[in-house]
Amino acid sequence: MSAGFEAGDRVRARPGDPDHHTRVPRYVRGHAGEIVALLGEWPLPDASAGGVIRPEPCYAVRFGARDLFGAGDHTVTVDLWESYLERA
């Protein structure tokens, strides 16, 4: 699988609360951030929890704390798999 995003791209963490295991923290769901780096391809935890090994690109995504929490001048960086993201 080739990476669909690159450093500098604006993305949004997909909103919603799936019925299954996910590694998308609630506090970033629906929020826009910026790709900082491609971390390589790693098994998607959602699939791995069900016994399926499905590698896909994983990214470091930076979010503004003010956007996430309403205050703060710092940023929060979260590792997110490609299927968790959409273009912002």
Protein backbone atom coordinates (compact mmCIF):
# COMPACT_ATOMS: atom_id res chain seq x y z
CA MET A 1 0.00 0.00 0.00
CA SER A 2 1.38 3.42 -0.86
CA ALA A 3 1.04 6.34 1.53
CA GLY A 4 -1.86 8.64 0.73
CA PHE A 5 -0.54 11.61 2.72
CA GLU A 6 2.78 13.36 3.18
CA ALA A 7 4.29 15.77 5.68
CA GLY A 8 2.48 19.11 5.64
CA ASP A 9 -0.89 17.73 4.48
CA ARG A 10 -3.94 18.91 6.42
CA VAL A 11 -6.09 16.00 7.57
CA ARG A 12 -9.07 15.39 9.81
CA ALA A 13 -9.41 12.46 12.19
CA ARG A 14 -12.59 10.65 11.24
CA PRO A 15 -15.44 11.36 13.66
CA GLY A 16 -17.59 8.72 15.23
CA ASP A 17 -17.42 6.03 17.85
CA PRO A 18 -17.09 2.58 16.24
CA ASP A 19 -18.49 -0.53 17.91
CA HIS A 20 -15.09 -2.20 17.68
CA HIS A 21 -11.59 -1.58 19.00
CA THR A 22 -9.92 1.58 17.69
CA ARG A 23 -6.74 3.50 18.49
CA VAL A 24 -8.27 6.89 17.61
CA PRO A 25 -8.42 8.91 20.84
CA ARG A 26 -11.84 10.49 21.39
CA TYR A 27 -10.30 13.92 21.88
CA VAL A 28 -9.01 14.06 18.26
CA ARG A 29 -12.08 12.61 16.49
CA GLY A 30 -13.46 15.15 14.03
CA HIS A 31 -10.56 17.58 14.53
CA ALA A 32 -8.14 18.81 11.86
CA GLY A 33 -4.39 18.48 12.18
CA GLU A 34 -1.23 18.33 10.10
CA ILE A 35 0.82 15.34 9.03
CA VAL A 36 4.26 15.66 10.62
CA ALA A 37 5.80 12.41 9.35
CA LEU A 38 5.09 9.05 7.78
CA LEU A 39 6.06 6.43 10.38
CA GLY A 40 5.99 3.45 8.01
CA GLU A 41 3.48 0.66 7.53
CA TRP A 42 2.23 -1.13 10.62
CA PRO A 43 -0.62 -3.57 11.30
CA LEU A 44 -3.92 -1.73 11.83
CA PRO A 45 -4.84 -2.34 15.49
CA ASP A 46 -8.57 -2.45 14.71
CA ALA A 47 -8.03 -5.44 12.40
CA SER A 48 -5.37 -7.05 14.61
CA ALA A 49 -7.82 -7.15 17.52
CA GLY A 50 -9.94 -9.46 15.34
CA GLY A 51 -6.99 -11.65 14.36
CA VAL A 52 -6.40 -10.07 10.95
CA ILE A 53 -2.99 -8.59 10.15
CA ARG A 54 -3.51 -5.69 7.73
CA PRO A 55 -0.57 -3.28 7.43
CA GLU A 56 -1.27 0.29 6.41
CA PRO A 57 0.59 3.61 6.59
CA CYS A 58 0.81 5.23 10.02
CA TYR A 59 1.43 8.94 10.52
CA ALA A 60 2.44 11.36 13.26
CA VAL A 61 -0.35 13.98 13.21
CA ARG A 62 -0.01 17.29 15.07
CA PHE A 63 -3.07 19.06 16.52
CA GLY A 64 -3.28 22.45 18.21
CA ALA A 65 -4.17 22.08 21.90
CA ARG A 66 -6.51 25.05 21.63
CA ASP A 67 -8.44 23.24 18.87
CA LEU A 68 -8.71 20.06 20.95
CA PHE A 69 -9.22 21.41 24.46
CA GLY A 70 -10.20 25.06 24.05
CA ALA A 71 -6.97 26.35 25.62
CA GLY A 72 -3.22 26.00 25.38
CA ASP A 73 -0.47 27.27 23.12
CA HIS A 74 1.16 23.86 22.66
CA THR A 75 0.53 21.04 20.21
CA VAL A 76 -0.39 17.39 20.67
CA THR A 77 1.04 14.77 18.31
CA VAL A 78 -0.81 11.47 17.88
CA ASP A 79 0.13 8.41 15.80
CA LEU A 80 -2.82 7.60 13.50
CA TRP A 81 -3.29 5.01 10.77
CA GLU A 82 -4.35 6.12 7.31
CA SER A 83 -7.88 4.68 7.52
CA TYR A 84 -8.48 6.97 10.54
CA LEU A 85 -7.86 10.08 8.42
CA GLU A 86 -9.49 12.12 5.67
CA ARG A 87 -8.30 15.24 3.86
CA ALA A 88 -9.21 18.46 5.65
